[in-house]
């Protein structure tokens, strides 16, 4: 099912969901950067990018060494990995749901609480 609309909501339409729009824009910018890394450096460059900025569970549990190029402190990858997508279907699907449902969540929670959420 692909969402295109959410009806019968009681949230105020007067509040513009700037945070949600910003999150969608940042997701697309990071995705386009991923595409550029892959196009300019080949498969090894995109693998290094994902290994560096994606969340690698064994790095958190100290079961493997931290990859060179991983940002410090390590917990930053919990946030950078949220903006990475594996392909066009992945990002378009996620952003469709975020656009339809995130607007209403932001309107009910407010901008800052929504961003923290």
Protein backbone atom coordinates (compact mmCIF):
# COMPACT_ATOMS: atom_id res chain seq x y z
CA UNK A 1 0.00 0.00 0.00
CA UNK A 2 1.37 3.39 -0.97
CA UNK A 3 0.02 6.26 1.15
CA UNK A 4 -1.06 9.42 -0.61
CA UNK A 5 -3.34 11.08 1.92
CA UNK A 6 -4.38 10.98 5.56
CA UNK A 7 -7.92 12.16 6.24
CA UNK A 8 -10.10 12.68 9.28
CA UNK A 9 -7.38 14.15 11.46
CA UNK A 10 -7.93 16.66 14.21
CA UNK A 11 -4.54 18.36 13.97
CA UNK A 12 -4.36 22.00 13.01
CA UNK A 13 -3.64 22.70 9.35
CA UNK A 14 -2.35 26.15 10.35
CA UNK A 15 1.00 24.75 11.47
CA UNK A 16 3.42 24.34 8.56
CA UNK A 17 5.47 21.13 9.09
CA UNK A 18 8.88 22.73 8.49
CA UNK A 19 10.78 20.09 10.45
CA UNK A 20 9.29 17.27 8.40
CA UNK A 21 10.04 19.05 5.13
CA UNK A 22 13.59 19.67 6.35
CA UNK A 23 14.06 16.00 7.21
CA UNK A 24 12.87 14.97 3.75
CA UNK A 25 15.25 17.44 2.09
CA UNK A 26 18.21 16.26 4.20
CA UNK A 27 17.41 12.61 3.37
CA UNK A 28 17.44 13.38 -0.36
CA UNK A 29 20.64 15.45 -0.11
CA UNK A 30 22.45 12.62 1.68
CA UNK A 31 21.11 10.12 -0.87
CA UNK A 32 22.32 12.27 -3.77
CA UNK A 33 25.70 12.51 -2.05
CA UNK A 34 25.77 8.70 -1.78
CA UNK A 35 25.03 8.49 -5.51
CA UNK A 36 27.82 10.97 -6.25
CA UNK A 37 30.30 9.00 -4.12
CA UNK A 38 29.36 5.81 -5.95
CA UNK A 39 29.60 7.46 -9.37
CA UNK A 40 32.95 9.12 -8.79
CA UNK A 41 34.75 6.45 -6.78
CA UNK A 42 33.14 3.21 -7.80
CA UNK A 43 31.92 0.37 -5.65
CA UNK A 44 34.79 0.50 -3.16
CA UNK A 45 34.13 4.19 -2.44
CA UNK A 46 30.46 3.60 -1.66
CA UNK A 47 31.35 0.61 0.51
CA UNK A 48 33.81 2.76 2.46
CA UNK A 49 31.17 5.49 2.83
CA UNK A 50 28.57 3.05 4.17
CA UNK A 51 31.11 1.35 6.44
CA UNK A 52 32.19 4.72 7.84
CA UNK A 53 28.83 6.46 8.33
CA UNK A 54 26.49 3.49 8.75
CA UNK A 55 25.80 1.97 12.14
CA UNK A 56 27.89 -1.19 12.49
CA UNK A 57 26.65 -3.14 15.54
CA UNK A 58 29.89 -5.03 16.17
CA UNK A 59 31.72 -1.70 16.58
CA UNK A 60 29.39 -0.79 19.44
CA UNK A 61 29.83 -4.12 21.17
CA UNK A 62 33.63 -4.14 20.63
CA UNK A 63 33.44 -7.41 18.68
CA UNK A 64 35.28 -5.84 15.75
CA UNK A 65 37.66 -2.99 15.19
CA UNK A 66 36.30 0.45 14.35
CA UNK A 67 36.73 1.14 10.64
CA UNK A 68 39.13 3.85 9.53
CA UNK A 69 37.17 6.97 8.61
CA UNK A 70 34.41 6.39 11.15
CA UNK A 71 33.47 9.70 12.76
CA UNK A 72 34.43 10.28 16.36
CA UNK A 73 32.71 9.90 18.74
CA UNK A 74 31.24 6.63 17.56
CA UNK A 75 27.65 7.42 18.61
CA UNK A 76 27.39 9.93 15.74
CA UNK A 77 26.83 6.97 13.39
CA UNK A 78 23.48 6.38 15.12
CA UNK A 79 22.35 9.64 13.51
CA UNK A 80 24.24 9.55 10.21
CA UNK A 81 22.87 6.07 9.45
CA UNK A 82 19.29 7.38 9.73
CA UNK A 83 19.77 9.40 6.55
CA UNK A 84 21.33 6.66 4.41
CA UNK A 85 19.25 4.67 1.91
CA UNK A 86 19.99 1.65 -0.24
CA UNK A 87 18.35 2.67 -3.50
CA UNK A 88 15.61 4.64 -5.20
CA UNK A 89 12.76 2.37 -4.04
CA UNK A 90 14.03 2.58 -0.46
CA UNK A 91 14.21 6.37 -0.28
CA UNK A 92 11.01 7.02 -2.28
CA UNK A 93 9.02 4.61 -0.10
CA UNK A 94 10.38 6.03 3.13
CA UNK A 95 9.87 9.64 2.08
CA UNK A 96 6.29 8.97 0.91
CA UNK A 97 5.40 7.62 4.35
CA UNK A 98 7.32 10.40 6.10
CA UNK A 99 5.54 13.05 4.02
CA UNK A 100 2.03 11.67 4.60
CA UNK A 101 2.30 10.69 8.26
CA UNK A 102 5.14 12.90 9.51
CA UNK A 103 3.19 16.08 8.76
CA UNK A 104 0.43 15.04 11.15
CA UNK A 105 2.82 13.84 13.83
CA UNK A 106 4.72 17.13 13.71
CA UNK A 107 1.50 19.14 13.89
CA UNK A 108 0.39 17.21 16.96
CA UNK A 109 3.77 17.26 18.74
CA UNK A 110 5.23 20.58 17.67
CA UNK A 111 8.44 21.22 15.74
CA UNK A 112 11.10 20.63 18.40
CA UNK A 113 9.45 17.63 20.07
CA UNK A 114 8.98 16.06 16.63
CA UNK A 115 12.63 16.59 15.75
CA UNK A 116 13.73 15.03 19.04
CA UNK A 117 11.27 12.17 18.48
